[in-house]
Amino acid sequence: MGRTGKLYFNENEAARILGITVDKFRTLLKMHILDKAEDVSNSSQTTYHKSDLLILQLLASQHLARPGAEVQ
């Protein structure tokens, strides 16, 4: 993650920083963060802190490191 003065990011910014699409970002949330699939509908209204992005970046890299794995 590059340096930026912002502390909070919206869904589009978070996905861009992670280098993935918004759909893939939502998939990461469903796989690792959200309790219910319907909670993803709130992801566009949620703000994400830099520490949230760090955790999601680690989860994404672990998932993508598996052979044949891709965030759907």
C-alpha atoms as a PDB file:
ATOM      1  CA  MET A   1       0.000   0.000   0.000  1.00  0.00           C
ATOM      2  CA  GLY A   2       1.346   3.356  -0.963  1.00  0.00           C
ATOM      3  CA  ARG A   3       1.589   6.266   1.386  1.00  0.00           C
ATOM      4  CA  THR A   4      -1.387   8.535   1.521  1.00  0.00           C
ATOM      5  CA  GLY A   5      -2.660  11.103   3.998  1.00  0.00           C
ATOM      6  CA  LYS A   6      -6.103   9.519   4.081  1.00  0.00           C
ATOM      7  CA  LEU A   7      -7.059   7.327   7.003  1.00  0.00           C
ATOM      8  CA  TYR A   8     -10.396   6.021   5.709  1.00  0.00           C
ATOM      9  CA  PHE A   9     -11.376   4.732   2.291  1.00  0.00           C
ATOM     10  CA  ASN A  10     -14.611   3.834   0.572  1.00  0.00           C
ATOM     11  CA  GLU A  11     -15.172   0.494  -1.141  1.00  0.00           C
ATOM     12  CA  ASN A  12     -13.931   1.680  -4.565  1.00  0.00           C
ATOM     13  CA  GLU A  13     -10.788   3.242  -3.127  1.00  0.00           C
ATOM     14  CA  ALA A  14     -10.075   0.170  -1.017  1.00  0.00           C
ATOM     15  CA  ALA A  15     -10.393  -2.162  -4.006  1.00  0.00           C
ATOM     16  CA  ARG A  16      -8.152   0.093  -6.106  1.00  0.00           C
ATOM     17  CA  ILE A  17      -5.486   0.215  -3.385  1.00  0.00           C
ATOM     18  CA  LEU A  18      -5.554  -3.592  -3.146  1.00  0.00           C
ATOM     19  CA  GLY A  19      -5.311  -3.872  -6.939  1.00  0.00           C
ATOM     20  CA  ILE A  20      -8.539  -5.828  -7.304  1.00  0.00           C
ATOM     21  CA  THR A  21     -12.006  -5.157  -8.642  1.00  0.00           C
ATOM     22  CA  VAL A  22     -14.872  -4.133  -6.384  1.00  0.00           C
ATOM     23  CA  ASP A  23     -16.459  -7.544  -7.005  1.00  0.00           C
ATOM     24  CA  LYS A  24     -13.287  -9.299  -5.849  1.00  0.00           C
ATOM     25  CA  PHE A  25     -13.114  -6.957  -2.857  1.00  0.00           C
ATOM     26  CA  ARG A  26     -16.668  -7.929  -1.902  1.00  0.00           C
ATOM     27  CA  THR A  27     -15.769 -11.592  -2.308  1.00  0.00           C
ATOM     28  CA  LEU A  28     -12.871 -11.160   0.124  1.00  0.00           C
ATOM     29  CA  LEU A  29     -15.247  -9.565   2.601  1.00  0.00           C
ATOM     30  CA  LYS A  30     -17.715 -12.453   2.234  1.00  0.00           C
ATOM     31  CA  MET A  31     -15.001 -15.070   2.591  1.00  0.00           C
ATOM     32  CA  HIS A  32     -13.151 -13.632   5.569  1.00  0.00           C
ATOM     33  CA  ILE A  33     -14.988 -10.807   7.288  1.00  0.00           C
ATOM     34  CA  LEU A  34     -18.772 -10.833   7.013  1.00  0.00           C
ATOM     35  CA  ASP A  35     -21.007 -13.116   9.027  1.00  0.00           C
ATOM     36  CA  LYS A  36     -23.823 -13.137   6.477  1.00  0.00           C
ATOM     37  CA  ALA A  37     -23.666 -12.847   2.706  1.00  0.00           C
ATOM     38  CA  GLU A  38     -26.363 -10.166   2.751  1.00  0.00           C
ATOM     39  CA  ASP A  39     -24.054  -7.943   4.824  1.00  0.00           C
ATOM     40  CA  VAL A  40     -22.075  -7.263   1.648  1.00  0.00           C
ATOM     41  CA  SER A  41     -24.866  -4.904   0.557  1.00  0.00           C
ATOM     42  CA  ASN A  42     -23.578  -2.480   3.219  1.00  0.00           C
ATOM     43  CA  SER A  43     -19.989  -2.614   1.970  1.00  0.00           C
ATOM     44  CA  SER A  44     -20.526   0.343  -0.359  1.00  0.00           C
ATOM     45  CA  GLN A  45     -21.570   2.469   2.646  1.00  0.00           C
ATOM     46  CA  THR A  46     -18.748   1.284   4.887  1.00  0.00           C
ATOM     47  CA  THR A  47     -15.465   3.095   5.303  1.00  0.00           C
ATOM     48  CA  TYR A  48     -12.270   1.109   5.663  1.00  0.00           C
ATOM     49  CA  HIS A  49      -9.287   2.108   7.773  1.00  0.00           C
ATOM     50  CA  LYS A  50      -5.708   1.554   6.604  1.00  0.00           C
ATOM     51  CA  SER A  51      -5.423  -1.341   9.074  1.00  0.00           C
ATOM     52  CA  ASP A  52      -8.498  -2.980   7.491  1.00  0.00           C
ATOM     53  CA  LEU A  53      -6.805  -2.775   4.108  1.00  0.00           C
ATOM     54  CA  LEU A  54      -3.629  -4.278   5.490  1.00  0.00           C
ATOM     55  CA  ILE A  55      -5.524  -7.311   6.796  1.00  0.00           C
ATOM     56  CA  LEU A  56      -7.460  -7.671   3.541  1.00  0.00           C
ATOM     57  CA  GLN A  57      -4.226  -7.400   1.569  1.00  0.00           C
ATOM     58  CA  LEU A  58      -2.720 -10.234   3.629  1.00  0.00           C
ATOM     59  CA  LEU A  59      -5.833 -12.373   3.189  1.00  0.00           C
ATOM     60  CA  ALA A  60      -5.902 -11.722  -0.553  1.00  0.00           C
ATOM     61  CA  SER A  61      -2.232 -12.576  -0.979  1.00  0.00           C
ATOM     62  CA  GLN A  62      -2.628 -15.804   1.024  1.00  0.00           C
ATOM     63  CA  HIS A  63      -5.645 -16.809  -1.020  1.00  0.00           C
ATOM     64  CA  LEU A  64      -4.000 -15.989  -4.337  1.00  0.00           C
ATOM     65  CA  ALA A  65      -0.801 -17.827  -3.341  1.00  0.00           C
ATOM     66  CA  ARG A  66      -2.652 -21.145  -3.388  1.00  0.00           C
ATOM     67  CA  PRO A  67      -2.247 -23.065  -6.662  1.00  0.00           C
ATOM     68  CA  GLY A  68      -5.195 -22.466  -8.947  1.00  0.00           C
ATOM     69  CA  ALA A  69      -6.801 -20.019  -6.527  1.00  0.00           C
ATOM     70  CA  GLU A  70      -8.218 -16.687  -7.555  1.00  0.00           C
ATOM     71  CA  VAL A  71     -10.597 -14.358  -5.764  1.00  0.00           C
ATOM     72  CA  GLN A  72     -13.813 -14.949  -7.660  1.00  0.00           C
END
